[in-house]
């Protein structure tokens, strides 16, 4: 969720760095609209049971704080167990690990690559990093041609 909010430039709504303006402030309506989007995105990503527990929160920061308070427990034993399961995952030709590497690379790209990133993420099977890199170089060349 944090990555999605960061990508949409809405992370400030849940990390406390953007405060709610007064209702007479000219920015209030824009803040209210964006806050509603963030609250909706968070609620849509929750299971119905969890969503019911925070249904009254209509300010993104409050919703985020309530969820963090209720569900962020930092269970180190569970984390270690999940990591062990992940590291022991094996598939015949390591396609899982290759896809994971490509996905991480694509998610780290700047927003200017969002179109090509989306197209690549939808491919099935996802191409490996050696196939993705030339596609991105081609996209970068097109950016250079349009800026001249």
N, C-alpha and C. Protein backbone atom coordinates (compact mmCIF):
# COMPACT_ATOMS: atom_id res chain seq x y z
N UNK A 1 0.83 -1.19 0.00
CA UNK A 1 0.00 0.00 0.00
C UNK A 1 0.87 1.25 0.00
N UNK A 2 1.96 1.22 0.78
CA UNK A 2 2.83 2.39 0.82
C UNK A 2 3.43 2.70 -0.54
N UNK A 3 3.81 1.65 -1.27
CA UNK A 3 4.36 1.86 -2.61
C UNK A 3 3.31 2.46 -3.54
N UNK A 4 2.09 1.97 -3.45
CA UNK A 4 1.02 2.50 -4.30
C UNK A 4 0.74 3.96 -3.97
N UNK A 5 0.71 4.30 -2.68
CA UNK A 5 0.46 5.68 -2.29
C UNK A 5 1.62 6.58 -2.72
N UNK A 6 2.83 6.07 -2.59
CA UNK A 6 4.00 6.85 -3.01
C UNK A 6 3.97 7.10 -4.51
N UNK A 7 3.61 6.07 -5.27
CA UNK A 7 3.55 6.20 -6.72
C UNK A 7 2.52 7.23 -7.14
N UNK A 8 1.43 7.33 -6.41
CA UNK A 8 0.37 8.29 -6.72
C UNK A 8 0.58 9.65 -6.04
N UNK A 9 1.74 9.81 -5.40
CA UNK A 9 2.07 11.05 -4.70
C UNK A 9 1.05 11.37 -3.60
N UNK A 10 0.61 10.33 -2.89
CA UNK A 10 -0.38 10.51 -1.83
C UNK A 10 0.12 9.99 -0.48
N UNK A 11 1.39 9.67 -0.39
CA UNK A 11 1.95 9.12 0.85
C UNK A 11 1.81 10.10 2.01
N UNK A 12 1.86 11.38 1.71
CA UNK A 12 1.76 12.41 2.76
C UNK A 12 0.43 12.36 3.50
N UNK A 13 -0.58 11.76 2.89
CA UNK A 13 -1.89 11.66 3.54
C UNK A 13 -1.87 10.67 4.69
N UNK A 14 -0.94 9.71 4.68
CA UNK A 14 -0.90 8.71 5.74
C UNK A 14 0.33 8.81 6.64
N UNK A 15 1.34 9.58 6.23
CA UNK A 15 2.52 9.66 7.09
C UNK A 15 2.52 10.90 7.99
N UNK A 16 1.49 11.72 7.89
CA UNK A 16 1.34 12.87 8.78
C UNK A 16 2.01 14.14 8.33
N UNK A 17 2.68 14.12 7.17
CA UNK A 17 3.38 15.32 6.73
C UNK A 17 2.47 16.31 6.01
N UNK A 18 1.26 15.90 5.69
CA UNK A 18 0.29 16.81 5.08
C UNK A 18 -0.90 16.93 6.03
N UNK A 19 -1.07 18.10 6.58
CA UNK A 19 -2.15 18.29 7.55
C UNK A 19 -3.42 18.74 6.84
N UNK A 20 -4.52 18.43 7.48
CA UNK A 20 -5.82 18.83 6.94
C UNK A 20 -5.97 20.34 7.03
N UNK A 21 -6.22 21.02 5.90
CA UNK A 21 -6.40 22.48 5.96
C UNK A 21 -7.75 22.85 6.56
N UNK A 22 -7.87 24.07 7.00
CA UNK A 22 -9.15 24.56 7.51
C UNK A 22 -10.17 24.58 6.38
N UNK A 23 -11.43 24.47 6.73
CA UNK A 23 -12.48 24.43 5.72
C UNK A 23 -12.58 25.71 4.90
N UNK A 24 -12.10 26.83 5.42
CA UNK A 24 -12.14 28.08 4.66
C UNK A 24 -10.88 28.28 3.81
N UNK A 25 -9.96 27.34 3.88
CA UNK A 25 -8.73 27.40 3.08
C UNK A 25 -9.07 27.02 1.64
N UNK A 26 -8.43 27.68 0.69
CA UNK A 26 -8.70 27.39 -0.73
C UNK A 26 -8.27 25.98 -1.12
N UNK A 27 -7.38 25.39 -0.36
CA UNK A 27 -6.90 24.03 -0.66
C UNK A 27 -7.77 22.93 -0.05
N UNK A 28 -8.74 23.32 0.76
CA UNK A 28 -9.53 22.33 1.47
C UNK A 28 -10.25 21.36 0.54
N UNK A 29 -10.90 21.85 -0.49
CA UNK A 29 -11.66 20.97 -1.39
C UNK A 29 -10.75 19.97 -2.10
N UNK A 30 -9.57 20.43 -2.53
CA UNK A 30 -8.62 19.52 -3.19
C UNK A 30 -8.13 18.47 -2.19
N UNK A 31 -7.84 18.90 -0.95
CA UNK A 31 -7.41 17.96 0.08
C UNK A 31 -8.51 16.94 0.37
N UNK A 32 -9.73 17.42 0.47
CA UNK A 32 -10.88 16.55 0.78
C UNK A 32 -11.06 15.49 -0.31
N UNK A 33 -10.95 15.89 -1.58
CA UNK A 33 -11.11 14.96 -2.69
C UNK A 33 -10.00 13.91 -2.67
N UNK A 34 -8.76 14.34 -2.50
CA UNK A 34 -7.63 13.41 -2.47
C UNK A 34 -7.71 12.49 -1.26
N UNK A 35 -8.09 13.03 -0.11
CA UNK A 35 -8.24 12.23 1.10
C UNK A 35 -9.28 11.13 0.88
N UNK A 36 -10.38 11.48 0.22
CA UNK A 36 -11.43 10.50 -0.07
C UNK A 36 -10.90 9.38 -0.94
N UNK A 37 -10.10 9.73 -1.95
CA UNK A 37 -9.49 8.71 -2.80
C UNK A 37 -8.61 7.77 -1.97
N UNK A 38 -7.76 8.34 -1.13
CA UNK A 38 -6.84 7.53 -0.33
C UNK A 38 -7.60 6.61 0.62
N UNK A 39 -8.61 7.14 1.28
CA UNK A 39 -9.42 6.32 2.19
C UNK A 39 -10.09 5.18 1.40
N UNK A 40 -10.59 5.48 0.22
CA UNK A 40 -11.23 4.45 -0.61
C UNK A 40 -10.24 3.39 -1.04
N UNK A 41 -9.04 3.81 -1.49
CA UNK A 41 -8.02 2.85 -1.91
C UNK A 41 -7.65 1.91 -0.77
N UNK A 42 -7.45 2.49 0.41
CA UNK A 42 -7.08 1.66 1.56
C UNK A 42 -8.20 0.69 1.88
N UNK A 43 -9.43 1.19 1.96
CA UNK A 43 -10.56 0.32 2.31
C UNK A 43 -10.77 -0.79 1.29
N UNK A 44 -10.58 -0.48 0.02
CA UNK A 44 -10.74 -1.51 -1.01
C UNK A 44 -9.67 -2.59 -0.94
N UNK A 45 -8.54 -2.27 -0.35
CA UNK A 45 -7.47 -3.26 -0.25
C UNK A 45 -7.60 -4.14 0.99
N UNK A 46 -8.51 -3.80 1.88
CA UNK A 46 -8.68 -4.55 3.12
C UNK A 46 -9.67 -5.69 2.95
N UNK A 47 -9.52 -6.69 3.77
CA UNK A 47 -10.53 -7.75 3.81
C UNK A 47 -11.80 -7.15 4.41
N UNK A 48 -12.97 -7.72 4.10
CA UNK A 48 -14.21 -7.17 4.64
C UNK A 48 -14.21 -7.09 6.18
N UNK A 49 -13.65 -8.08 6.82
CA UNK A 49 -13.64 -8.09 8.29
C UNK A 49 -12.81 -6.93 8.83
N UNK A 50 -11.64 -6.70 8.26
CA UNK A 50 -10.80 -5.60 8.72
C UNK A 50 -11.43 -4.26 8.37
N UNK A 51 -12.00 -4.17 7.19
CA UNK A 51 -12.65 -2.94 6.76
C UNK A 51 -13.77 -2.53 7.71
N UNK A 52 -14.50 -3.50 8.23
CA UNK A 52 -15.57 -3.21 9.18
C UNK A 52 -15.05 -2.56 10.46
N UNK A 53 -13.81 -2.90 10.82
CA UNK A 53 -13.27 -2.37 12.08
C UNK A 53 -12.83 -0.92 11.97
N UNK A 54 -12.72 -0.40 10.75
CA UNK A 54 -12.28 0.99 10.57
C UNK A 54 -13.25 1.78 9.69
N UNK A 55 -14.48 1.32 9.59
CA UNK A 55 -15.45 1.92 8.69
C UNK A 55 -15.74 3.38 9.03
N UNK A 56 -15.57 3.77 10.28
CA UNK A 56 -15.87 5.14 10.69
C UNK A 56 -14.74 6.13 10.37
N UNK A 57 -13.56 5.63 10.04
CA UNK A 57 -12.45 6.52 9.74
C UNK A 57 -12.61 7.10 8.34
N UNK A 58 -12.76 8.41 8.26
CA UNK A 58 -12.89 9.04 6.94
C UNK A 58 -11.76 10.02 6.66
N UNK A 59 -10.75 10.00 7.51
CA UNK A 59 -9.53 10.76 7.28
C UNK A 59 -8.40 9.75 7.14
N UNK A 60 -7.68 9.83 6.03
CA UNK A 60 -6.67 8.82 5.70
C UNK A 60 -5.65 8.63 6.82
N UNK A 61 -5.18 9.70 7.41
CA UNK A 61 -4.18 9.61 8.48
C UNK A 61 -4.74 8.84 9.67
N UNK A 62 -5.96 9.13 10.06
CA UNK A 62 -6.59 8.42 11.20
C UNK A 62 -6.78 6.95 10.86
N UNK A 63 -7.23 6.67 9.65
CA UNK A 63 -7.44 5.29 9.21
C UNK A 63 -6.12 4.53 9.27
N UNK A 64 -5.06 5.14 8.74
CA UNK A 64 -3.75 4.50 8.72
C UNK A 64 -3.24 4.23 10.13
N UNK A 65 -3.41 5.21 11.02
CA UNK A 65 -2.96 5.04 12.41
C UNK A 65 -3.73 3.92 13.10
N UNK A 66 -5.05 3.86 12.87
CA UNK A 66 -5.86 2.79 13.49
C UNK A 66 -5.43 1.42 12.99
N UNK A 67 -5.20 1.30 11.68
CA UNK A 67 -4.77 0.02 11.12
C UNK A 67 -3.40 -0.38 11.67
N UNK A 68 -2.51 0.59 11.73
CA UNK A 68 -1.16 0.32 12.24
C UNK A 68 -1.23 -0.12 13.70
N UNK A 69 -2.05 0.56 14.48
CA UNK A 69 -2.19 0.20 15.89
C UNK A 69 -2.76 -1.20 16.06
N UNK A 70 -3.74 -1.55 15.23
CA UNK A 70 -4.41 -2.84 15.36
C UNK A 70 -3.59 -4.01 14.81
N UNK A 71 -2.86 -3.79 13.72
CA UNK A 71 -2.29 -4.92 13.00
C UNK A 71 -0.78 -4.93 12.84
N UNK A 72 -0.10 -3.88 13.23
CA UNK A 72 1.35 -3.88 13.07
C UNK A 72 1.99 -4.34 14.37
N UNK A 73 2.27 -5.61 14.45
CA UNK A 73 2.80 -6.18 15.67
C UNK A 73 4.27 -6.60 15.58
N UNK A 74 4.82 -6.63 14.37
CA UNK A 74 6.23 -6.96 14.22
C UNK A 74 6.59 -8.34 14.73
N UNK A 75 5.86 -9.36 14.32
CA UNK A 75 6.10 -10.74 14.74
C UNK A 75 7.36 -11.27 14.07
N UNK A 76 8.49 -11.17 14.77
CA UNK A 76 9.78 -11.55 14.20
C UNK A 76 9.84 -13.03 13.85
N UNK A 77 9.23 -13.88 14.66
CA UNK A 77 9.25 -15.31 14.38
C UNK A 77 8.50 -15.63 13.09
N UNK A 78 7.40 -14.96 12.89
CA UNK A 78 6.62 -15.16 11.66
C UNK A 78 7.39 -14.67 10.44
N UNK A 79 8.06 -13.53 10.58
CA UNK A 79 8.85 -12.98 9.49
C UNK A 79 9.96 -13.94 9.11
N UNK A 80 10.68 -14.47 10.09
CA UNK A 80 11.77 -15.42 9.82
C UNK A 80 11.24 -16.67 9.15
N UNK A 81 10.09 -17.16 9.59
CA UNK A 81 9.50 -18.35 8.99
C UNK A 81 9.13 -18.10 7.53
N UNK A 82 8.52 -16.96 7.26
CA UNK A 82 8.15 -16.62 5.88
C UNK A 82 9.39 -16.45 5.00
N UNK A 83 10.44 -15.84 5.54
CA UNK A 83 11.67 -15.69 4.78
C UNK A 83 12.28 -17.05 4.46
N UNK A 84 12.27 -17.95 5.42
CA UNK A 84 12.81 -19.30 5.19
C UNK A 84 12.02 -20.01 4.10
N UNK A 85 10.70 -19.88 4.13
CA UNK A 85 9.86 -20.49 3.09
C UNK A 85 10.18 -19.89 1.72
N UNK A 86 10.35 -18.57 1.69
CA UNK A 86 10.65 -17.90 0.43
C UNK A 86 12.00 -18.35 -0.11
N UNK A 87 13.01 -18.40 0.74
CA UNK A 87 14.34 -18.77 0.28
C UNK A 87 14.42 -20.23 -0.12
N UNK A 88 13.54 -21.06 0.41
CA UNK A 88 13.58 -22.48 0.05
C UNK A 88 12.71 -22.80 -1.15
N UNK A 89 12.01 -21.80 -1.67
CA UNK A 89 11.16 -22.01 -2.83
C UNK A 89 12.01 -22.41 -4.02
N UNK A 90 11.62 -23.49 -4.65
CA UNK A 90 12.37 -23.96 -5.82
C UNK A 90 11.39 -24.27 -6.94
N UNK A 91 11.78 -23.86 -8.11
CA UNK A 91 11.05 -24.25 -9.30
C UNK A 91 12.11 -24.69 -10.29
N UNK A 92 11.74 -25.65 -11.10
CA UNK A 92 12.67 -26.28 -12.01
C UNK A 92 13.69 -25.38 -12.67
N UNK A 93 13.28 -24.32 -13.32
CA UNK A 93 14.23 -23.48 -14.04
C UNK A 93 14.41 -22.11 -13.40
N UNK A 94 14.05 -21.97 -12.12
CA UNK A 94 14.20 -20.73 -11.38
C UNK A 94 13.38 -19.58 -11.97
N UNK A 95 12.30 -19.89 -12.68
CA UNK A 95 11.50 -18.83 -13.29
C UNK A 95 10.91 -17.90 -12.24
N UNK A 96 10.59 -18.43 -11.06
CA UNK A 96 10.04 -17.57 -10.00
C UNK A 96 11.02 -16.46 -9.62
N UNK A 97 12.28 -16.85 -9.39
CA UNK A 97 13.28 -15.87 -8.98
C UNK A 97 13.57 -14.87 -10.08
N UNK A 98 13.57 -15.31 -11.31
CA UNK A 98 13.81 -14.39 -12.42
C UNK A 98 12.68 -13.37 -12.52
N UNK A 99 11.46 -13.86 -12.39
CA UNK A 99 10.31 -12.96 -12.45
C UNK A 99 10.33 -11.98 -11.29
N UNK A 100 10.71 -12.45 -10.12
CA UNK A 100 10.80 -11.60 -8.94
C UNK A 100 11.83 -10.49 -9.16
N UNK A 101 12.96 -10.83 -9.73
CA UNK A 101 14.01 -9.85 -10.02
C UNK A 101 13.50 -8.80 -11.01
N UNK A 102 12.84 -9.24 -12.06
CA UNK A 102 12.30 -8.32 -13.05
C UNK A 102 11.25 -7.41 -12.43
N UNK A 103 10.39 -7.96 -11.61
CA UNK A 103 9.35 -7.17 -10.95
C UNK A 103 9.95 -6.10 -10.06
N UNK A 104 10.94 -6.47 -9.27
CA UNK A 104 11.59 -5.48 -8.40
C UNK A 104 12.22 -4.36 -9.21
N UNK A 105 12.87 -4.74 -10.30
CA UNK A 105 13.50 -3.74 -11.16
C UNK A 105 12.46 -2.79 -11.73
N UNK A 106 11.36 -3.33 -12.24
CA UNK A 106 10.32 -2.49 -12.84
C UNK A 106 9.68 -1.57 -11.82
N UNK A 107 9.46 -2.05 -10.62
CA UNK A 107 8.82 -1.22 -9.58
C UNK A 107 9.71 -0.08 -9.15
N UNK A 108 11.01 -0.19 -9.37
CA UNK A 108 11.93 0.86 -8.98
C UNK A 108 12.11 1.95 -10.03
N UNK A 109 11.47 1.80 -11.17
CA UNK A 109 11.63 2.78 -12.24
C UNK A 109 10.89 4.08 -11.94
N UNK A 110 11.39 5.16 -12.51
CA UNK A 110 10.73 6.46 -12.36
C UNK A 110 9.37 6.45 -13.05
N UNK A 111 8.54 7.43 -12.71
CA UNK A 111 7.19 7.51 -13.25
C UNK A 111 7.15 7.69 -14.77
N UNK A 112 8.21 8.22 -15.36
CA UNK A 112 8.21 8.41 -16.81
C UNK A 112 8.13 7.08 -17.56
N UNK A 113 8.44 5.99 -16.87
CA UNK A 113 8.38 4.66 -17.48
C UNK A 113 7.09 3.92 -17.11
N UNK A 114 6.12 4.61 -16.56
CA UNK A 114 4.92 3.94 -16.05
C UNK A 114 4.16 3.17 -17.13
N UNK A 115 4.10 3.70 -18.33
CA UNK A 115 3.35 3.02 -19.40
C UNK A 115 4.03 1.72 -19.78
N UNK A 116 5.31 1.78 -20.06
CA UNK A 116 6.03 0.57 -20.46
C UNK A 116 6.10 -0.41 -19.28
N UNK A 117 6.24 0.11 -18.06
CA UNK A 117 6.26 -0.76 -16.88
C UNK A 117 4.95 -1.54 -16.77
N UNK A 118 3.83 -0.85 -16.94
CA UNK A 118 2.52 -1.51 -16.86
C UNK A 118 2.38 -2.58 -17.94
N UNK A 119 2.81 -2.27 -19.14
CA UNK A 119 2.72 -3.24 -20.23
C UNK A 119 3.56 -4.47 -19.94
N UNK A 120 4.77 -4.27 -19.43
CA UNK A 120 5.65 -5.40 -19.13
C UNK A 120 5.11 -6.24 -17.97
N UNK A 121 4.53 -5.58 -16.97
CA UNK A 121 4.01 -6.32 -15.82
C UNK A 121 2.81 -7.19 -16.20
N UNK A 122 2.11 -6.82 -17.28
CA UNK A 122 0.94 -7.58 -17.70
C UNK A 122 1.30 -8.76 -18.60
N UNK A 123 2.54 -8.82 -19.05
CA UNK A 123 2.94 -9.91 -19.94
C UNK A 123 2.98 -11.23 -19.18
N UNK A 124 2.53 -12.28 -19.85
CA UNK A 124 2.54 -13.59 -19.24
C UNK A 124 3.08 -14.61 -20.22
N UNK A 125 4.22 -15.19 -20.00
CA UNK A 125 5.07 -14.99 -18.83
C UNK A 125 5.81 -13.67 -18.92
N UNK A 126 6.19 -13.15 -17.75
CA UNK A 126 6.92 -11.90 -17.71
C UNK A 126 8.32 -12.13 -18.27
N UNK A 127 8.79 -11.22 -19.13
CA UNK A 127 10.13 -11.41 -19.69
C UNK A 127 11.18 -11.24 -18.60
N UNK A 128 12.35 -11.87 -18.82
CA UNK A 128 13.41 -11.72 -17.83
C UNK A 128 14.09 -10.37 -18.00
N UNK A 129 14.94 -10.05 -17.07
CA UNK A 129 15.57 -8.73 -17.02
C UNK A 129 16.37 -8.43 -18.28
N UNK A 130 16.96 -9.45 -18.89
CA UNK A 130 17.75 -9.26 -20.10
C UNK A 130 16.89 -8.85 -21.29
N UNK A 131 15.63 -9.20 -21.29
CA UNK A 131 14.72 -8.79 -22.35
C UNK A 131 14.09 -7.43 -22.04
N UNK A 132 13.90 -7.14 -20.76
CA UNK A 132 13.25 -5.90 -20.34
C UNK A 132 14.16 -4.70 -20.55
N UNK A 133 15.42 -4.87 -20.24
CA UNK A 133 16.36 -3.75 -20.30
C UNK A 133 16.42 -3.09 -21.68
N UNK A 134 16.54 -3.85 -22.78
CA UNK A 134 16.54 -3.20 -24.10
C UNK A 134 15.24 -2.46 -24.42
N UNK A 135 14.11 -2.98 -23.93
CA UNK A 135 12.84 -2.30 -24.15
C UNK A 135 12.83 -0.93 -23.46
N UNK A 136 13.40 -0.88 -22.27
CA UNK A 136 13.45 0.38 -21.53
C UNK A 136 14.42 1.36 -22.18
N UNK A 137 15.50 0.86 -22.72
CA UNK A 137 16.44 1.74 -23.43
C UNK A 137 15.75 2.35 -24.65
N UNK A 138 14.97 1.53 -25.35
CA UNK A 138 14.22 2.05 -26.50
C UNK A 138 13.24 3.13 -26.05
N UNK A 139 12.55 2.91 -24.94
CA UNK A 139 11.62 3.90 -24.40
C UNK A 139 12.36 5.18 -24.04
N UNK A 140 13.54 5.05 -23.46
CA UNK A 140 14.33 6.22 -23.08
C UNK A 140 14.75 7.02 -24.32
N UNK A 141 15.09 6.32 -25.38
CA UNK A 141 15.45 7.01 -26.63
C UNK A 141 14.25 7.79 -27.16
N UNK A 142 13.07 7.22 -27.05
CA UNK A 142 11.86 7.92 -27.51
C UNK A 142 11.63 9.18 -26.67
N UNK A 143 11.90 9.11 -25.38
CA UNK A 143 11.79 10.30 -24.52
C UNK A 143 12.73 11.38 -25.01
N UNK A 144 13.96 10.98 -25.36
CA UNK A 144 14.95 11.94 -25.84
C UNK A 144 14.53 12.58 -27.15
N UNK A 145 13.91 11.79 -28.05
CA UNK A 145 13.45 12.33 -29.33
C UNK A 145 12.32 13.32 -29.17
N UNK A 146 11.45 13.10 -28.20
CA UNK A 146 10.31 14.00 -28.01
C UNK A 146 10.69 15.27 -27.28
N UNK A 147 11.80 15.26 -26.56
CA UNK A 147 12.23 16.45 -25.81
C UNK A 147 13.08 17.39 -26.64
N UNK A 148 13.56 16.95 -27.78
CA UNK A 148 14.41 17.80 -28.62
C UNK A 148 13.64 18.78 -29.42
